[in-house]
Amino acid sequence: MAAKLMKAEPALSPASCLMDEAIELVLQDRSPYPDRASFLDHDMPDLAKWIARAFDDDKAVVLVWPDGSSRVLQPGERIPAPAPSAALSESGSGIDLPAA
């Protein structure tokens, strides 16, 4: 008897999983996310470019971490710095996001 080879499904990114959940919630009229939001993984290549593109289109961004936690960024908010640095202590720099 020949064994049937099965292709493994590619693993979905945390942002893809959360977007799928958000779609289900929209269908139930229970979505906590802004309309037309872009769901992005926090560690994706060129993240700043994708956030800027979404903001240019006046879309919110749902930034998603590997554990599934997320943060909604609205157009006009400053993009969080990837790590603390001395530059954050300078006047006019830093993170102007409200506490989640």
PDB file of N, CA and C in Angstrom:
ATOM      1  N   MET A   1       0.854  -1.182   0.000  1.00  0.00           N
ATOM      2  CA  MET A   1       0.000   0.000   0.000  1.00  0.00           C
ATOM      3  C   MET A   1       0.892   1.235   0.000  1.00  0.00           C
ATOM      4  N   ALA A   2       0.643   2.145  -0.892  1.00  0.00           N
ATOM      5  CA  ALA A   2       1.448   3.361  -0.990  1.00  0.00           C
ATOM      6  C   ALA A   2       0.995   4.373   0.046  1.00  0.00           C
ATOM      7  N   ALA A   3       1.981   5.045   0.619  1.00  0.00           N
ATOM      8  CA  ALA A   3       1.675   6.095   1.599  1.00  0.00           C
ATOM      9  C   ALA A   3       1.326   7.372   0.845  1.00  0.00           C
ATOM     10  N   LYS A   4       0.346   8.078   1.331  1.00  0.00           N
ATOM     11  CA  LYS A   4      -0.066   9.339   0.716  1.00  0.00           C
ATOM     12  C   LYS A   4       0.784  10.467   1.299  1.00  0.00           C
ATOM     13  N   LEU A   5       1.437  11.216   0.426  1.00  0.00           N
ATOM     14  CA  LEU A   5       2.232  12.343   0.873  1.00  0.00           C
ATOM     15  C   LEU A   5       1.321  13.539   1.090  1.00  0.00           C
ATOM     16  N   MET A   6       1.505  14.177   2.194  1.00  0.00           N
ATOM     17  CA  MET A   6       0.701  15.350   2.528  1.00  0.00           C
ATOM     18  C   MET A   6       1.620  16.563   2.558  1.00  0.00           C
ATOM     19  N   LYS A   7       1.201  17.619   1.904  1.00  0.00           N
ATOM     20  CA  LYS A   7       1.950  18.860   1.980  1.00  0.00           C
ATOM     21  C   LYS A   7       1.595  19.548   3.286  1.00  0.00           C
ATOM     22  N   ALA A   8       2.620  20.005   3.960  1.00  0.00           N
ATOM     23  CA  ALA A   8       2.381  20.743   5.203  1.00  0.00           C
ATOM     24  C   ALA A   8       1.861  22.136   4.861  1.00  0.00           C
ATOM     25  N   GLU A   9       0.877  22.571   5.585  1.00  0.00           N
ATOM     26  CA  GLU A   9       0.357  23.918   5.412  1.00  0.00           C
ATOM     27  C   GLU A   9       1.393  24.898   5.958  1.00  0.00           C
ATOM     28  N   PRO A  10       1.648  25.978   5.247  1.00  0.00           N
ATOM     29  CA  PRO A  10       2.591  26.958   5.787  1.00  0.00           C
ATOM     30  C   PRO A  10       2.006  27.578   7.061  1.00  0.00           C
ATOM     31  N   ALA A  11       2.869  27.793   8.027  1.00  0.00           N
ATOM     32  CA  ALA A  11       2.418  28.386   9.291  1.00  0.00           C
ATOM     33  C   ALA A  11       1.994  29.828   9.043  1.00  0.00           C
ATOM     34  N   LEU A  12       0.860  30.196   9.591  1.00  0.00           N
ATOM     35  CA  LEU A  12       0.391  31.572   9.465  1.00  0.00           C
ATOM     36  C   LEU A  12       1.147  32.452  10.450  1.00  0.00           C
ATOM     37  N   SER A  13       1.401  33.663  10.048  1.00  0.00           N
ATOM     38  CA  SER A  13       2.060  34.606  10.952  1.00  0.00           C
ATOM     39  C   SER A  13       1.057  35.030  12.029  1.00  0.00           C
ATOM     40  N   PRO A  14       1.550  35.564  13.149  1.00  0.00           N
ATOM     41  CA  PRO A  14       0.627  36.044  14.184  1.00  0.00           C
ATOM     42  C   PRO A  14      -0.359  37.084  13.640  1.00  0.00           C
ATOM     43  N   ALA A  15       0.105  37.966  12.757  1.00  0.00           N
ATOM     44  CA  ALA A  15      -0.795  38.985  12.194  1.00  0.00           C
ATOM     45  C   ALA A  15      -1.872  38.345  11.330  1.00  0.00           C
ATOM     46  N   SER A  16      -1.500  37.322  10.562  1.00  0.00           N
ATOM     47  CA  SER A  16      -2.482  36.630   9.718  1.00  0.00           C
ATOM     48  C   SER A  16      -3.540  35.939  10.573  1.00  0.00           C
ATOM     49  N   CYS A  17      -3.102  35.307  11.651  1.00  0.00           N
ATOM     50  CA  CYS A  17      -4.053  34.634  12.549  1.00  0.00           C
ATOM     51  C   CYS A  17      -5.018  35.640  13.170  1.00  0.00           C
ATOM     52  N   LEU A  18      -4.477  36.773  13.646  1.00  0.00           N
ATOM     53  CA  LEU A  18      -5.332  37.776  14.276  1.00  0.00           C
ATOM     54  C   LEU A  18      -6.279  38.401  13.254  1.00  0.00           C
ATOM     55  N   MET A  19      -5.808  38.597  12.025  1.00  0.00           N
ATOM     56  CA  MET A  19      -6.679  39.138  10.983  1.00  0.00           C
ATOM     57  C   MET A  19      -7.823  38.168  10.688  1.00  0.00           C
ATOM     58  N   ASP A  20      -7.533  36.871  10.651  1.00  0.00           N
ATOM     59  CA  ASP A  20      -8.599  35.879  10.444  1.00  0.00           C
ATOM     60  C   ASP A  20      -9.636  35.967  11.563  1.00  0.00           C
ATOM     61  N   GLU A  21      -9.159  36.112  12.804  1.00  0.00           N
ATOM     62  CA  GLU A  21     -10.092  36.259  13.933  1.00  0.00           C
ATOM     63  C   GLU A  21     -10.903  37.541  13.796  1.00  0.00           C
ATOM     64  N   ALA A  22     -10.240  38.615  13.355  1.00  0.00           N
ATOM     65  CA  ALA A  22     -10.935  39.897  13.186  1.00  0.00           C
ATOM     66  C   ALA A  22     -12.030  39.801  12.128  1.00  0.00           C
ATOM     67  N   ILE A  23     -11.764  39.073  11.059  1.00  0.00           N
ATOM     68  CA  ILE A  23     -12.772  38.889  10.007  1.00  0.00           C
ATOM     69  C   ILE A  23     -13.995  38.175  10.575  1.00  0.00           C
ATOM     70  N   GLU A  24     -13.755  37.139  11.364  1.00  0.00           N
ATOM     71  CA  GLU A  24     -14.869  36.423  11.996  1.00  0.00           C
ATOM     72  C   GLU A  24     -15.672  37.360  12.900  1.00  0.00           C
ATOM     73  N   LEU A  25     -14.968  38.221  13.652  1.00  0.00           N
ATOM     74  CA  LEU A  25     -15.661  39.150  14.543  1.00  0.00           C
ATOM     75  C   LEU A  25     -16.444  40.199  13.766  1.00  0.00           C
ATOM     76  N   VAL A  26     -15.926  40.637  12.619  1.00  0.00           N
ATOM     77  CA  VAL A  26     -16.661  41.594  11.775  1.00  0.00           C
ATOM     78  C   VAL A  26     -17.969  40.967  11.309  1.00  0.00           C
ATOM     79  N   LEU A  27     -17.905  39.695  10.926  1.00  0.00           N
ATOM     80  CA  LEU A  27     -19.117  39.009  10.469  1.00  0.00           C
ATOM     81  C   LEU A  27     -20.164  38.902  11.571  1.00  0.00           C
ATOM     82  N   GLN A  28     -19.703  38.962  12.819  1.00  0.00           N
ATOM     83  CA  GLN A  28     -20.609  38.904  13.971  1.00  0.00           C
ATOM     84  C   GLN A  28     -20.887  40.299  14.542  1.00  0.00           C
ATOM     85  N   ASP A  29     -20.432  41.348  13.839  1.00  0.00           N
ATOM     86  CA  ASP A  29     -20.572  42.736  14.304  1.00  0.00           C
ATOM     87  C   ASP A  29     -19.954  42.948  15.685  1.00  0.00           C
ATOM     88  N   ARG A  30     -18.800  42.313  15.941  1.00  0.00           N
ATOM     89  CA  ARG A  30     -18.168  42.436  17.255  1.00  0.00           C
ATOM     90  C   ARG A  30     -16.679  42.787  17.160  1.00  0.00           C
ATOM     91  N   SER A  31     -16.226  43.354  16.067  1.00  0.00           N
ATOM     92  CA  SER A  31     -14.793  43.605  15.902  1.00  0.00           C
ATOM     93  C   SER A  31     -14.311  44.766  16.765  1.00  0.00           C
ATOM     94  N   PRO A  32     -13.222  44.557  17.506  1.00  0.00           N
ATOM     95  CA  PRO A  32     -12.636  45.651  18.290  1.00  0.00           C
ATOM     96  C   PRO A  32     -11.634  46.479  17.480  1.00  0.00           C
ATOM     97  N   TYR A  33     -11.440  46.130  16.215  1.00  0.00           N
ATOM     98  CA  TYR A  33     -10.423  46.775  15.390  1.00  0.00           C
ATOM     99  C   TYR A  33     -11.053  47.799  14.453  1.00  0.00           C
ATOM    100  N   PRO A  34     -10.292  48.860  14.126  1.00  0.00           N
ATOM    101  CA  PRO A  34     -10.813  49.869  13.193  1.00  0.00           C
ATOM    102  C   PRO A  34     -11.074  49.268  11.809  1.00  0.00           C
ATOM    103  N   ASP A  35     -12.056  49.827  11.108  1.00  0.00           N
ATOM    104  CA  ASP A  35     -12.322  49.401   9.733  1.00  0.00           C
ATOM    105  C   ASP A  35     -11.083  49.635   8.877  1.00  0.00           C
ATOM    106  N   ARG A  36     -10.837  48.728   7.943  1.00  0.00           N
ATOM    107  CA  ARG A  36      -9.756  48.825   6.973  1.00  0.00           C
ATOM    108  C   ARG A  36      -8.370  48.835   7.603  1.00  0.00           C
ATOM    109  N   ALA A  37      -8.217  48.354   8.816  1.00  0.00           N
ATOM    110  CA  ALA A  37      -6.904  48.337   9.464  1.00  0.00           C
ATOM    111  C   ALA A  37      -5.968  47.357   8.760  1.00  0.00           C
ATOM    112  N   SER A  38      -4.682  47.677   8.790  1.00  0.00           N
ATOM    113  CA  SER A  38      -3.652  46.777   8.280  1.00  0.00           C
ATOM    114  C   SER A  38      -3.066  46.006   9.460  1.00  0.00           C
ATOM    115  N   PHE A  39      -3.024  44.689   9.352  1.00  0.00           N
ATOM    116  CA  PHE A  39      -2.468  43.836  10.401  1.00  0.00           C
ATOM    117  C   PHE A  39      -1.032  43.501  10.025  1.00  0.00           C
ATOM    118  N   LEU A  40      -0.076  43.904  10.880  1.00  0.00           N
ATOM    119  CA  LEU A  40       1.342  43.733  10.580  1.00  0.00           C
ATOM    120  C   LEU A  40       2.063  43.048  11.743  1.00  0.00           C
ATOM    121  N   ASP A  41       2.955  42.128  11.408  1.00  0.00           N
ATOM    122  CA  ASP A  41       3.800  41.499  12.424  1.00  0.00           C
ATOM    123  C   ASP A  41       4.860  42.493  12.872  1.00  0.00           C
ATOM    124  N   HIS A  42       5.114  42.548  14.170  1.00  0.00           N
ATOM    125  CA  HIS A  42       6.053  43.538  14.710  1.00  0.00           C
ATOM    126  C   HIS A  42       7.474  43.367  14.194  1.00  0.00           C
ATOM    127  N   ASP A  43       7.828  42.167  13.725  1.00  0.00           N
ATOM    128  CA  ASP A  43       9.195  41.903  13.292  1.00  0.00           C
ATOM    129  C   ASP A  43       9.327  41.739  11.780  1.00  0.00           C
ATOM    130  N   MET A  44       8.324  42.170  11.032  1.00  0.00           N
ATOM    131  CA  MET A  44       8.386  41.998   9.578  1.00  0.00           C
ATOM    132  C   MET A  44       9.423  42.943   8.969  1.00  0.00           C
ATOM    133  N   PRO A  45      10.047  42.513   7.875  1.00  0.00           N
ATOM    134  CA  PRO A  45      10.997  43.396   7.192  1.00  0.00           C
ATOM    135  C   PRO A  45      10.302  44.664   6.716  1.00  0.00           C
ATOM    136  N   ASP A  46      10.999  45.767   6.766  1.00  0.00           N
ATOM    137  CA  ASP A  46      10.481  47.060   6.289  1.00  0.00           C
ATOM    138  C   ASP A  46       9.207  47.487   7.011  1.00  0.00           C
ATOM    139  N   LEU A  47       9.111  47.182   8.310  1.00  0.00           N
ATOM    140  CA  LEU A  47       7.904  47.504   9.076  1.00  0.00           C
ATOM    141  C   LEU A  47       7.557  48.987   8.987  1.00  0.00           C
ATOM    142  N   ALA A  48       8.544  49.855   9.158  1.00  0.00           N
ATOM    143  CA  ALA A  48       8.267  51.299   9.124  1.00  0.00           C
ATOM    144  C   ALA A  48       7.664  51.713   7.789  1.00  0.00           C
ATOM    145  N   LYS A  49       8.149  51.114   6.704  1.00  0.00           N
ATOM    146  CA  LYS A  49       7.613  51.432   5.370  1.00  0.00           C
ATOM    147  C   LYS A  49       6.144  51.038   5.279  1.00  0.00           C
ATOM    148  N   TRP A  50       5.791  49.849   5.799  1.00  0.00           N
ATOM    149  CA  TRP A  50       4.412  49.376   5.722  1.00  0.00           C
ATOM    150  C   TRP A  50       3.483  50.194   6.622  1.00  0.00           C
ATOM    151  N   ILE A  51       3.992  50.600   7.792  1.00  0.00           N
ATOM    152  CA  ILE A  51       3.191  51.467   8.665  1.00  0.00           C
ATOM    153  C   ILE A  51       2.965  52.812   7.971  1.00  0.00           C
ATOM    154  N   ALA A  52       4.020  53.386   7.400  1.00  0.00           N
ATOM    155  CA  ALA A  52       3.889  54.669   6.700  1.00  0.00           C
ATOM    156  C   ALA A  52       2.908  54.563   5.543  1.00  0.00           C
ATOM    157  N   ARG A  53       2.969  53.466   4.806  1.00  0.00           N
ATOM    158  CA  ARG A  53       2.045  53.267   3.678  1.00  0.00           C
ATOM    159  C   ARG A  53       0.593  53.220   4.173  1.00  0.00           C
ATOM    160  N   ALA A  54       0.359  52.493   5.263  1.00  0.00           N
ATOM    161  CA  ALA A  54      -1.000  52.425   5.816  1.00  0.00           C
ATOM    162  C   ALA A  54      -1.463  53.807   6.279  1.00  0.00           C
ATOM    163  N   PHE A  55      -0.576  54.531   6.983  1.00  0.00           N
ATOM    164  CA  PHE A  55      -0.930  55.866   7.458  1.00  0.00           C
ATOM    165  C   PHE A  55      -1.185  56.809   6.282  1.00  0.00           C
ATOM    166  N   ASP A  56      -0.408  56.695   5.202  1.00  0.00           N
ATOM    167  CA  ASP A  56      -0.636  57.529   4.012  1.00  0.00           C
ATOM    168  C   ASP A  56      -2.016  57.269   3.420  1.00  0.00           C
ATOM    169  N   ASP A  57      -2.501  56.026   3.564  1.00  0.00           N
ATOM    170  CA  ASP A  57      -3.838  55.665   3.085  1.00  0.00           C
ATOM    171  C   ASP A  57      -4.904  55.906   4.149  1.00  0.00           C
ATOM    172  N   ASP A  58      -4.522  56.584   5.234  1.00  0.00           N
ATOM    173  CA  ASP A  58      -5.414  56.894   6.364  1.00  0.00           C
ATOM    174  C   ASP A  58      -6.005  55.634   6.994  1.00  0.00           C
ATOM    175  N   LYS A  59      -5.181  54.584   7.082  1.00  0.00           N
ATOM    176  CA  LYS A  59      -5.597  53.333   7.710  1.00  0.00           C
ATOM    177  C   LYS A  59      -4.893  53.168   9.046  1.00  0.00           C
ATOM    178  N   ALA A  60      -5.584  52.579   9.996  1.00  0.00           N
ATOM    179  CA  ALA A  60      -4.955  52.205  11.258  1.00  0.00           C
ATOM    180  C   ALA A  60      -4.089  50.970  11.025  1.00  0.00           C
ATOM    181  N   VAL A  61      -3.165  50.730  11.939  1.00  0.00           N
ATOM    182  CA  VAL A  61      -2.309  49.554  11.894  1.00  0.00           C
ATOM    183  C   VAL A  61      -2.519  48.768  13.183  1.00  0.00           C
ATOM    184  N   VAL A  62      -2.697  47.466  13.041  1.00  0.00           N
ATOM    185  CA  VAL A  62      -2.722  46.579  14.203  1.00  0.00           C
ATOM    186  C   VAL A  62      -1.374  45.870  14.197  1.00  0.00           C
ATOM    187  N   LEU A  63      -0.519  46.253  15.144  1.00  0.00           N
ATOM    188  CA  LEU A  63       0.816  45.682  15.266  1.00  0.00           C
ATOM    189  C   LEU A  63       0.702  44.445  16.141  1.00  0.00           C
ATOM    190  N   VAL A  64       1.178  43.291  15.640  1.00  0.00           N
ATOM    191  CA  VAL A  64       0.950  42.010  16.317  1.00  0.00           C
ATOM    192  C   VAL A  64       2.287  41.355  16.686  1.00  0.00           C
ATOM    193  N   TRP A  65       2.376  40.878  17.937  1.00  0.00           N
ATOM    194  CA  TRP A  65       3.563  40.187  18.431  1.00  0.00           C
ATOM    195  C   TRP A  65       3.358  38.678  18.337  1.00  0.00           C
ATOM    196  N   PRO A  66       4.446  37.898  18.433  1.00  0.00           N
ATOM    197  CA  PRO A  66       4.352  36.430  18.284  1.00  0.00           C
ATOM    198  C   PRO A  66       3.366  35.760  19.241  1.00  0.00           C
ATOM    199  N   ASP A  67       3.158  36.341  20.429  1.00  0.00           N
ATOM    200  CA  ASP A  67       2.229  35.732  21.380  1.00  0.00           C
ATOM    201  C   ASP A  67       0.771  36.082  21.085  1.00  0.00           C
ATOM    202  N   GLY A  68       0.541  36.847  20.005  1.00  0.00           N
ATOM    203  CA  GLY A  68      -0.824  37.212  19.625  1.00  0.00           C
ATOM    204  C   GLY A  68      -1.291  38.528  20.216  1.00  0.00           C
ATOM    205  N   SER A  69      -0.496  39.119  21.108  1.00  0.00           N
ATOM    206  CA  SER A  69      -0.887  40.418  21.646  1.00  0.00           C
ATOM    207  C   SER A  69      -0.756  41.459  20.542  1.00  0.00           C
ATOM    208  N   SER A  70      -1.494  42.542  20.678  1.00  0.00           N
ATOM    209  CA  SER A  70      -1.512  43.532  19.601  1.00  0.00           C
ATOM    210  C   SER A  70      -1.634  44.937  20.160  1.00  0.00           C
ATOM    211  N   ARG A  71      -1.353  45.885  19.300  1.00  0.00           N
ATOM    212  CA  ARG A  71      -1.466  47.306  19.631  1.00  0.00           C
ATOM    213  C   ARG A  71      -1.982  48.021  18.398  1.00  0.00           C
ATOM    214  N   VAL A  72      -3.025  48.803  18.538  1.00  0.00           N
ATOM    215  CA  VAL A  72      -3.576  49.561  17.415  1.00  0.00           C
ATOM    216  C   VAL A  72      -2.879  50.914  17.356  1.00  0.00           C
ATOM    217  N   LEU A  73      -2.334  51.228  16.191  1.00  0.00           N
ATOM    218  CA  LEU A  73      -1.720  52.530  15.931  1.00  0.00           C
ATOM    219  C   LEU A  73      -2.612  53.273  14.949  1.00  0.00           C
ATOM    220  N   GLN A  74      -2.920  54.517  15.267  1.00  0.00           N
ATOM    221  CA  GLN A  74      -3.770  55.330  14.397  1.00  0.00           C
ATOM    222  C   GLN A  74      -2.905  56.280  13.575  1.00  0.00           C
ATOM    223  N   PRO A  75      -3.351  56.635  12.362  1.00  0.00           N
ATOM    224  CA  PRO A  75      -2.601  57.616  11.583  1.00  0.00           C
ATOM    225  C   PRO A  75      -2.360  58.873  12.424  1.00  0.00           C
ATOM    226  N   GLY A  76      -1.151  59.388  12.351  1.00  0.00           N
ATOM    227  CA  GLY A  76      -0.800  60.580  13.125  1.00  0.00           C
ATOM    228  C   GLY A  76      -0.046  60.258  14.394  1.00  0.00           C
ATOM    229  N   GLU A  77      -0.138  59.026  14.874  1.00  0.00           N
ATOM    230  CA  GLU A  77       0.626  58.635  16.050  1.00  0.00           C
ATOM    231  C   GLU A  77       2.063  58.367  15.636  1.00  0.00           C
ATOM    232  N   ARG A  78       2.976  58.523  16.561  1.00  0.00           N
ATOM    233  CA  ARG A  78       4.376  58.256  16.270  1.00  0.00           C
ATOM    234  C   ARG A  78       4.621  56.761  16.328  1.00  0.00           C
ATOM    235  N   ILE A  79       5.517  56.285  15.476  1.00  0.00           N
ATOM    236  CA  ILE A  79       5.857  54.866  15.434  1.00  0.00           C
ATOM    237  C   ILE A  79       6.759  54.549  16.613  1.00  0.00           C
ATOM    238  N   PRO A  80       6.462  53.486  17.383  1.00  0.00           N
ATOM    239  CA  PRO A  80       7.302  53.145  18.536  1.00  0.00           C
ATOM    240  C   PRO A  80       8.723  52.807  18.110  1.00  0.00           C
ATOM    241  N   ALA A  81       9.675  53.214  18.921  1.00  0.00           N
ATOM    242  CA  ALA A  81      11.077  52.861  18.667  1.00  0.00           C
ATOM    243  C   ALA A  81      11.261  51.374  18.941  1.00  0.00           C
ATOM    244  N   PRO A  82      12.135  50.698  18.177  1.00  0.00           N
ATOM    245  CA  PRO A  82      12.318  49.261  18.371  1.00  0.00           C
ATOM    246  C   PRO A  82      12.997  48.911  19.681  1.00  0.00           C
ATOM    247  N   ALA A  83      13.791  49.819  20.227  1.00  0.00           N
ATOM    248  CA  ALA A  83      14.486  49.553  21.491  1.00  0.00           C
ATOM    249  C   ALA A  83      14.861  50.894  22.108  1.00  0.00           C
ATOM    250  N   PRO A  84      15.023  50.922  23.425  1.00  0.00           N
ATOM    251  CA  PRO A  84      15.431  52.179  24.065  1.00  0.00           C
ATOM    252  C   PRO A  84      16.772  52.655  23.512  1.00  0.00           C
ATOM    253  N   SER A  85      16.926  53.970  23.412  1.00  0.00           N
ATOM    254  CA  SER A  85      18.193  54.528  22.971  1.00  0.00           C
ATOM    255  C   SER A  85      18.378  55.892  23.616  1.00  0.00           C
ATOM    256  N   ALA A  86      19.601  56.389  23.572  1.00  0.00           N
ATOM    257  CA  ALA A  86      19.891  57.704  24.141  1.00  0.00           C
ATOM    258  C   ALA A  86      19.119  58.795  23.411  1.00  0.00           C
ATOM    259  N   ALA A  87      18.838  58.587  22.138  1.00  0.00           N
ATOM    260  CA  ALA A  87      18.130  59.599  21.344  1.00  0.00           C
ATOM    261  C   ALA A  87      16.726  59.852  21.877  1.00  0.00           C
ATOM    262  N   LEU A  88      16.158  58.899  22.593  1.00  0.00           N
ATOM    263  CA  LEU A  88      14.796  59.072  23.100  1.00  0.00           C
ATOM    264  C   LEU A  88      14.721  60.132  24.182  1.00  0.00           C
ATOM    265  N   SER A  89      15.845  60.441  24.812  1.00  0.00           N
ATOM    266  CA  SER A  89      15.813  61.438  25.874  1.00  0.00           C
ATOM    267  C   SER A  89      15.909  62.861  25.328  1.00  0.00           C
ATOM    268  N   GLU A  90      16.195  63.011  24.034  1.00  0.00           N
ATOM    269  CA  GLU A  90      16.293  64.343  23.431  1.00  0.00           C
ATOM    270  C   GLU A  90      14.913  64.962  23.293  1.00  0.00           C
ATOM    271  N   SER A  91      14.851  66.278  23.385  1.00  0.00           N
ATOM    272  CA  SER A  91      13.595  66.987  23.231  1.00  0.00           C
ATOM    273  C   SER A  91      12.999  66.709  21.861  1.00  0.00           C
ATOM    274  N   GLY A  92      11.698  66.414  21.824  1.00  0.00           N
ATOM    275  CA  GLY A  92      11.010  66.182  20.556  1.00  0.00           C
ATOM    276  C   GLY A  92      11.146  64.773  20.040  1.00  0.00           C
ATOM    277  N   SER A  93      11.772  63.897  20.801  1.00  0.00           N
ATOM    278  CA  SER A  93      11.905  62.519  20.365  1.00  0.00           C
ATOM    279  C   SER A  93      11.184  61.625  21.346  1.00  0.00           C
ATOM    280  N   GLY A  94      11.080  60.377  21.017  1.00  0.00           N
ATOM    281  CA  GLY A  94      10.438  59.438  21.928  1.00  0.00           C
ATOM    282  C   GLY A  94       9.166  58.887  21.364  1.00  0.00           C
ATOM    283  N   ILE A  95       8.380  58.326  22.229  1.00  0.00           N
ATOM    284  CA  ILE A  95       7.160  57.657  21.833  1.00  0.00           C
ATOM    285  C   ILE A  95       5.981  58.408  22.412  1.00  0.00           C
ATOM    286  N   ASP A  96       5.114  58.911  21.572  1.00  0.00           N
ATOM    287  CA  ASP A  96       3.942  59.664  22.006  1.00  0.00           C
ATOM    288  C   ASP A  96       2.674  58.844  21.946  1.00  0.00           C
ATOM    289  N   LEU A  97       2.770  57.558  22.223  1.00  0.00           N
ATOM    290  CA  LEU A  97       1.583  56.708  22.164  1.00  0.00           C
ATOM    291  C   LEU A  97       0.948  56.611  23.541  1.00  0.00           C
ATOM    292  N   PRO A  98      -0.378  56.608  23.608  1.00  0.00           N
ATOM    293  CA  PRO A  98      -1.040  56.428  24.892  1.00  0.00           C
ATOM    294  C   PRO A  98      -0.828  55.017  25.401  1.00  0.00           C
ATOM    295  N   ALA A  99      -0.933  54.843  26.697  1.00  0.00           N
ATOM    296  CA  ALA A  99      -0.789  53.498  27.281  1.00  0.00           C
ATOM    297  C   ALA A  99      -1.863  52.589  26.756  1.00  0.00           C
ATOM    298  N   ALA A 100      -1.482  51.353  26.477  1.00  0.00           N
ATOM    299  CA  ALA A 100      -2.437  50.373  25.930  1.00  0.00           C
ATOM    300  C   ALA A 100      -3.234  49.743  27.037  1.00  0.00           C
TER     301      ALA A 100
END
